[in-house]
Amino acid sequence: MRKLTYFIACSIDGFIGDPEGDASAMMRFVDEEFFAFLKAEYPETLPTHGRRPLGIDDLPNRRFDTVVQGRASYDIVLKDGITSPYAHLREYVASRTLSESPDPNVEIIADDLVGRVRELKAEDSGLGIYLCGGSVLAGELLDEIDELVIKTYPIVQGSGMPMFGAGFSVTEFALESVRTFKNGVLVRTYSRQR
């Protein structure tokens, strides 16, 4: 069974963006040391349109071969004319309103999101599934998430878009590792307690 990993950036107080989902305040923490970590450990989480100009488009996928993201996250790149932000992965966008995919590499999941994710998890592959975001999607898939990789940036936002847009529910995860960076970023990895 493949793992579904919610790989997400957040503030110290658990917000993944401002109330509209804009996470640009966190981008300044992607310095040389942290970028080297992302390239070495999670290269496939870097969008294709960012990899190419940096000359790292040939980096192999280390952890994931599939990405699932929500419509709001997908819309951020669509407005810039990017229809396949993770062309180096199999791409799925969960949307009840997007009737047709604007790109042949992107499959729309309109119905039975949990069932489709369970099918993806059951596939035979040595690589996992990257849950890219956002908040509502993570809330809908909370019971399917096997691992959390939380990049915590040293800022407090006070309010904004939470990591999980869901009702109250206590779900236990076990801390597996913590990595610290000179710029104050922490990367915490948790595994699901089942």
C-alpha atoms as a PDB file:
ATOM      1  CA  MET A   1       0.000   0.000   0.000  1.00  0.00           C
ATOM      2  CA  ARG A   2       1.426   3.363  -1.021  1.00  0.00           C
ATOM      3  CA  LYS A   3       1.515   6.288   1.384  1.00  0.00           C
ATOM      4  CA  LEU A   4      -0.414   9.505   0.968  1.00  0.00           C
ATOM      5  CA  THR A   5       1.857  12.261   2.296  1.00  0.00           C
ATOM      6  CA  TYR A   6       0.622  15.749   3.061  1.00  0.00           C
ATOM      7  CA  PHE A   7       3.762  17.776   2.318  1.00  0.00           C
ATOM      8  CA  ILE A   8       2.870  21.300   3.359  1.00  0.00           C
ATOM      9  CA  ALA A   9       4.342  24.640   4.395  1.00  0.00           C
ATOM     10  CA  CYS A  10       2.846  26.485   7.347  1.00  0.00           C
ATOM     11  CA  SER A  11       3.386  29.248   9.843  1.00  0.00           C
ATOM     12  CA  ILE A  12       4.217  28.552  13.499  1.00  0.00           C
ATOM     13  CA  ASP A  13       0.514  28.918  14.290  1.00  0.00           C
ATOM     14  CA  GLY A  14      -0.539  26.361  11.663  1.00  0.00           C
ATOM     15  CA  PHE A  15      -1.680  28.465   8.695  1.00  0.00           C
ATOM     16  CA  ILE A  16      -0.726  27.495   5.141  1.00  0.00           C
ATOM     17  CA  GLY A  17      -1.524  30.924   3.753  1.00  0.00           C
ATOM     18  CA  ASP A  18      -3.419  34.101   4.378  1.00  0.00           C
ATOM     19  CA  PRO A  19      -7.250  33.963   4.416  1.00  0.00           C
ATOM     20  CA  GLU A  20      -7.225  33.710   0.595  1.00  0.00           C
ATOM     21  CA  GLY A  21      -4.492  31.051   0.613  1.00  0.00           C
ATOM     22  CA  ASP A  22      -1.570  33.256  -0.446  1.00  0.00           C
ATOM     23  CA  ALA A  23       1.618  31.749   1.014  1.00  0.00           C
ATOM     24  CA  SER A  24       4.090  34.200  -0.518  1.00  0.00           C
ATOM     25  CA  ALA A  25       5.160  35.442   2.960  1.00  0.00           C
ATOM     26  CA  MET A  26       6.882  32.077   3.446  1.00  0.00           C
ATOM     27  CA  MET A  27       8.877  32.121   0.207  1.00  0.00           C
ATOM     28  CA  ARG A  28      11.680  34.274   1.611  1.00  0.00           C
ATOM     29  CA  PHE A  29      12.758  31.336   3.794  1.00  0.00           C
ATOM     30  CA  VAL A  30      13.684  29.202   0.796  1.00  0.00           C
ATOM     31  CA  ASP A  31      17.345  30.127   1.076  1.00  0.00           C
ATOM     32  CA  GLU A  32      20.354  28.229  -0.269  1.00  0.00           C
ATOM     33  CA  GLU A  33      20.482  25.686   2.579  1.00  0.00           C
ATOM     34  CA  PHE A  34      16.752  24.958   2.536  1.00  0.00           C
ATOM     35  CA  PHE A  35      16.595  24.809  -1.258  1.00  0.00           C
ATOM     36  CA  ALA A  36      19.483  22.297  -1.242  1.00  0.00           C
ATOM     37  CA  PHE A  37      17.444  20.154   1.174  1.00  0.00           C
ATOM     38  CA  LEU A  38      14.372  20.290  -1.080  1.00  0.00           C
ATOM     39  CA  LYS A  39      16.446  19.398  -4.156  1.00  0.00           C
ATOM     40  CA  ALA A  40      18.107  16.471  -2.391  1.00  0.00           C
ATOM     41  CA  GLU A  41      15.155  15.048  -0.452  1.00  0.00           C
ATOM     42  CA  TYR A  42      11.939  16.172  -2.166  1.00  0.00           C
ATOM     43  CA  PRO A  43      12.837  17.277  -5.715  1.00  0.00           C
ATOM     44  CA  GLU A  44       9.488  16.217  -7.155  1.00  0.00           C
ATOM     45  CA  THR A  45       7.649  18.696  -4.929  1.00  0.00           C
ATOM     46  CA  LEU A  46       9.255  21.555  -6.845  1.00  0.00           C
ATOM     47  CA  PRO A  47       6.906  22.555  -9.683  1.00  0.00           C
ATOM     48  CA  THR A  48       8.014  21.859 -13.228  1.00  0.00           C
ATOM     49  CA  HIS A  49       7.862  25.522 -14.215  1.00  0.00           C
ATOM     50  CA  GLY A  50      10.343  26.281 -11.407  1.00  0.00           C
ATOM     51  CA  ARG A  51      12.620  23.320 -12.030  1.00  0.00           C
ATOM     52  CA  ARG A  52      13.342  24.139 -15.662  1.00  0.00           C
ATOM     53  CA  PRO A  53      14.758  27.656 -15.181  1.00  0.00           C
ATOM     54  CA  LEU A  54      16.895  26.399 -12.277  1.00  0.00           C
ATOM     55  CA  GLY A  55      18.384  23.650 -14.438  1.00  0.00           C
ATOM     56  CA  ILE A  56      17.113  20.857 -12.189  1.00  0.00           C
ATOM     57  CA  ASP A  57      14.450  19.435 -14.444  1.00  0.00           C
ATOM     58  CA  ASP A  58      16.409  16.183 -14.751  1.00  0.00           C
ATOM     59  CA  LEU A  59      16.328  15.367 -11.020  1.00  0.00           C
ATOM     60  CA  PRO A  60      14.678  11.994 -10.474  1.00  0.00           C
ATOM     61  CA  ASN A  61      11.604  11.589  -8.313  1.00  0.00           C
ATOM     62  CA  ARG A  62      12.712  10.294  -4.922  1.00  0.00           C
ATOM     63  CA  ARG A  63       9.520   9.862  -2.913  1.00  0.00           C
ATOM     64  CA  PHE A  64       6.471  10.490  -5.101  1.00  0.00           C
ATOM     65  CA  ASP A  65       5.261   9.643  -8.591  1.00  0.00           C
ATOM     66  CA  THR A  66       1.751  11.070  -8.183  1.00  0.00           C
ATOM     67  CA  VAL A  67       0.358  14.397  -6.970  1.00  0.00           C
ATOM     68  CA  VAL A  68      -3.163  15.221  -5.805  1.00  0.00           C
ATOM     69  CA  GLN A  69      -4.147  18.840  -5.336  1.00  0.00           C
ATOM     70  CA  GLY A  70      -7.308  20.821  -4.848  1.00  0.00           C
ATOM     71  CA  ARG A  71      -8.965  23.182  -7.276  1.00  0.00           C
ATOM     72  CA  ALA A  72      -7.960  26.319  -5.351  1.00  0.00           C
ATOM     73  CA  SER A  73      -4.273  25.300  -5.396  1.00  0.00           C
ATOM     74  CA  TYR A  74      -4.506  24.430  -9.081  1.00  0.00           C
ATOM     75  CA  ASP A  75      -6.184  27.761  -9.888  1.00  0.00           C
ATOM     76  CA  ILE A  76      -3.111  29.629  -8.594  1.00  0.00           C
ATOM     77  CA  VAL A  77      -1.005  28.294 -11.481  1.00  0.00           C
ATOM     78  CA  LEU A  78      -3.835  28.215 -14.008  1.00  0.00           C
ATOM     79  CA  LYS A  79      -4.188  31.997 -13.759  1.00  0.00           C
ATOM     80  CA  ASP A  80      -0.544  32.183 -14.907  1.00  0.00           C
ATOM     81  CA  GLY A  81      -1.277  29.925 -17.893  1.00  0.00           C
ATOM     82  CA  ILE A  82       0.360  26.834 -16.368  1.00  0.00           C
ATOM     83  CA  THR A  83      -1.878  23.824 -16.963  1.00  0.00           C
ATOM     84  CA  SER A  84       0.479  21.074 -15.785  1.00  0.00           C
ATOM     85  CA  PRO A  85       2.423  22.350 -12.741  1.00  0.00           C
ATOM     86  CA  TYR A  86       3.840  18.906 -11.920  1.00  0.00           C
ATOM     87  CA  ALA A  87       4.426  17.498 -15.401  1.00  0.00           C
ATOM     88  CA  HIS A  88       7.086  15.180 -13.967  1.00  0.00           C
ATOM     89  CA  LEU A  89       4.369  13.401 -11.898  1.00  0.00           C
ATOM     90  CA  ARG A  90       0.956  11.888 -12.562  1.00  0.00           C
ATOM     91  CA  GLU A  91      -1.344  14.803 -11.754  1.00  0.00           C
ATOM     92  CA  TYR A  92      -4.814  14.729 -10.237  1.00  0.00           C
ATOM     93  CA  VAL A  93      -6.942  17.739  -9.356  1.00  0.00           C
ATOM     94  CA  ALA A  94      -9.943  17.308  -7.067  1.00  0.00           C
ATOM     95  CA  SER A  95     -12.735  19.542  -8.326  1.00  0.00           C
ATOM     96  CA  ARG A  96     -16.507  19.376  -8.446  1.00  0.00           C
ATOM     97  CA  THR A  97     -16.669  22.464 -10.657  1.00  0.00           C
ATOM     98  CA  LEU A  98     -13.917  21.937 -13.249  1.00  0.00           C
ATOM     99  CA  SER A  99     -15.724  19.860 -15.847  1.00  0.00           C
ATOM    100  CA  GLU A 100     -12.836  19.312 -18.229  1.00  0.00           C
ATOM    101  CA  SER A 101      -9.087  19.177 -17.735  1.00  0.00           C
ATOM    102  CA  PRO A 102      -7.154  21.940 -19.497  1.00  0.00           C
ATOM    103  CA  ASP A 103      -4.190  19.580 -19.908  1.00  0.00           C
ATOM    104  CA  PRO A 104      -3.894  15.923 -21.000  1.00  0.00           C
ATOM    105  CA  ASN A 105      -1.468  15.269 -18.117  1.00  0.00           C
ATOM    106  CA  VAL A 106      -4.028  16.375 -15.490  1.00  0.00           C
ATOM    107  CA  GLU A 107      -6.930  14.131 -14.506  1.00  0.00           C
ATOM    108  CA  ILE A 108      -9.893  15.700 -12.749  1.00  0.00           C
ATOM    109  CA  ILE A 109     -11.396  13.820  -9.795  1.00  0.00           C
ATOM    110  CA  ALA A 110     -14.974  15.074  -9.666  1.00  0.00           C
ATOM    111  CA  ASP A 111     -16.667  12.288  -7.699  1.00  0.00           C
ATOM    112  CA  ASP A 112     -15.700   9.863  -4.936  1.00  0.00           C
ATOM    113  CA  LEU A 113     -12.422  11.547  -4.046  1.00  0.00           C
ATOM    114  CA  VAL A 114     -11.728   9.165  -1.160  1.00  0.00           C
ATOM    115  CA  GLY A 115     -12.409   6.129  -3.363  1.00  0.00           C
ATOM    116  CA  ARG A 116     -10.076   7.397  -6.089  1.00  0.00           C
ATOM    117  CA  VAL A 117      -7.304   8.130  -3.586  1.00  0.00           C
ATOM    118  CA  ARG A 118      -7.716   4.637  -2.141  1.00  0.00           C
ATOM    119  CA  GLU A 119      -7.305   3.233  -5.672  1.00  0.00           C
ATOM    120  CA  LEU A 120      -4.126   5.256  -6.139  1.00  0.00           C
ATOM    121  CA  LYS A 121      -2.792   4.059  -2.786  1.00  0.00           C
ATOM    122  CA  ALA A 122      -3.480   0.440  -3.766  1.00  0.00           C
ATOM    123  CA  GLU A 123      -1.391   0.690  -6.956  1.00  0.00           C
ATOM    124  CA  ASP A 124       1.864  -1.217  -7.150  1.00  0.00           C
ATOM    125  CA  SER A 125       4.623   1.386  -6.988  1.00  0.00           C
ATOM    126  CA  GLY A 126       7.720   2.029  -4.937  1.00  0.00           C
ATOM    127  CA  LEU A 127       6.848   5.717  -4.737  1.00  0.00           C
ATOM    128  CA  GLY A 128       4.088   7.457  -2.817  1.00  0.00           C
ATOM    129  CA  ILE A 129       1.458  10.105  -3.413  1.00  0.00           C
ATOM    130  CA  TYR A 130       2.104  13.785  -2.737  1.00  0.00           C
ATOM    131  CA  LEU A 131      -0.900  15.627  -1.319  1.00  0.00           C
ATOM    132  CA  CYS A 132      -0.073  19.145  -2.439  1.00  0.00           C
ATOM    133  CA  GLY A 133      -2.976  21.014  -0.897  1.00  0.00           C
ATOM    134  CA  GLY A 134      -4.998  22.731   0.016  1.00  0.00           C
ATOM    135  CA  SER A 135      -6.816  23.036   3.247  1.00  0.00           C
ATOM    136  CA  VAL A 136     -10.255  21.743   2.222  1.00  0.00           C
ATOM    137  CA  LEU A 137      -8.778  18.815   0.297  1.00  0.00           C
ATOM    138  CA  ALA A 138      -6.582  17.845   3.266  1.00  0.00           C
ATOM    139  CA  GLY A 139      -9.651  17.977   5.501  1.00  0.00           C
ATOM    140  CA  GLU A 140     -11.588  15.696   3.156  1.00  0.00           C
ATOM    141  CA  LEU A 141      -8.684  13.244   2.961  1.00  0.00           C
ATOM    142  CA  LEU A 142      -7.607  13.334   6.624  1.00  0.00           C
ATOM    143  CA  ASP A 143      -8.533   9.683   7.195  1.00  0.00           C
ATOM    144  CA  GLU A 144      -6.400   8.664   4.186  1.00  0.00           C
ATOM    145  CA  ILE A 145      -3.259  10.630   5.106  1.00  0.00           C
ATOM    146  CA  ASP A 146      -0.456   8.304   6.197  1.00  0.00           C
ATOM    147  CA  GLU A 147       2.312  10.842   6.681  1.00  0.00           C
ATOM    148  CA  LEU A 148       2.687  14.550   7.386  1.00  0.00           C
ATOM    149  CA  VAL A 149       5.795  16.462   6.333  1.00  0.00           C
ATOM    150  CA  ILE A 150       5.319  19.943   7.742  1.00  0.00           C
ATOM    151  CA  LYS A 151       7.709  22.706   6.734  1.00  0.00           C
ATOM    152  CA  THR A 152       7.200  25.228   9.540  1.00  0.00           C
ATOM    153  CA  TYR A 153       8.405  28.727   8.766  1.00  0.00           C
ATOM    154  CA  PRO A 154       9.324  31.101  11.629  1.00  0.00           C
ATOM    155  CA  ILE A 155       6.371  33.456  11.247  1.00  0.00           C
ATOM    156  CA  VAL A 156       3.071  33.900  13.064  1.00  0.00           C
ATOM    157  CA  GLN A 157       0.125  34.910  10.892  1.00  0.00           C
ATOM    158  CA  GLY A 158      -2.612  35.186  13.515  1.00  0.00           C
ATOM    159  CA  SER A 159      -5.239  33.969  11.082  1.00  0.00           C
ATOM    160  CA  GLY A 160      -5.462  32.540   7.605  1.00  0.00           C
ATOM    161  CA  MET A 161      -6.031  29.262   5.843  1.00  0.00           C
ATOM    162  CA  PRO A 162      -5.604  26.343   8.293  1.00  0.00           C
ATOM    163  CA  MET A 163      -3.683  23.180   7.439  1.00  0.00           C
ATOM    164  CA  PHE A 164      -6.927  21.201   7.592  1.00  0.00           C
ATOM    165  CA  GLY A 165     -10.235  22.702   6.572  1.00  0.00           C
ATOM    166  CA  ALA A 166     -12.368  20.194   8.444  1.00  0.00           C
ATOM    167  CA  GLY A 167     -14.583  19.911  11.473  1.00  0.00           C
ATOM    168  CA  PHE A 168     -13.229  19.006  14.886  1.00  0.00           C
ATOM    169  CA  SER A 169     -11.625  15.569  14.994  1.00  0.00           C
ATOM    170  CA  VAL A 170      -8.702  14.224  16.994  1.00  0.00           C
ATOM    171  CA  THR A 171      -6.350  12.246  14.756  1.00  0.00           C
ATOM    172  CA  GLU A 172      -3.073  10.951  16.143  1.00  0.00           C
ATOM    173  CA  PHE A 173       0.275  11.021  14.390  1.00  0.00           C
ATOM    174  CA  ALA A 174       3.681  10.012  15.795  1.00  0.00           C
ATOM    175  CA  LEU A 175       6.704  12.278  15.413  1.00  0.00           C
ATOM    176  CA  GLU A 176       9.349  10.527  13.305  1.00  0.00           C
ATOM    177  CA  SER A 177      11.924  13.273  12.795  1.00  0.00           C
ATOM    178  CA  VAL A 178      12.681  16.981  13.074  1.00  0.00           C
ATOM    179  CA  ARG A 179      15.193  18.795  10.938  1.00  0.00           C
ATOM    180  CA  THR A 180      16.222  22.359  11.714  1.00  0.00           C
ATOM    181  CA  PHE A 181      17.721  24.974   9.428  1.00  0.00           C
ATOM    182  CA  LYS A 182      19.787  28.082  10.185  1.00  0.00           C
ATOM    183  CA  ASN A 183      17.002  30.354   8.919  1.00  0.00           C
ATOM    184  CA  GLY A 184      14.603  29.054  11.603  1.00  0.00           C
ATOM    185  CA  VAL A 185      12.669  26.613   9.401  1.00  0.00           C
ATOM    186  CA  LEU A 186      11.723  23.250  10.902  1.00  0.00           C
ATOM    187  CA  VAL A 187      10.737  20.199   8.877  1.00  0.00           C
ATOM    188  CA  ARG A 188       8.765  17.765  10.994  1.00  0.00           C
ATOM    189  CA  THR A 189       7.768  14.325   9.764  1.00  0.00           C
ATOM    190  CA  TYR A 190       4.898  12.434  11.399  1.00  0.00           C
ATOM    191  CA  SER A 191       3.464   9.011  10.667  1.00  0.00           C
ATOM    192  CA  ARG A 192      -0.171   8.087  11.101  1.00  0.00           C
ATOM    193  CA  GLN A 193      -1.095   6.134  14.237  1.00  0.00           C
ATOM    194  CA  ARG A 194      -3.535   3.465  13.126  1.00  0.00           C
END
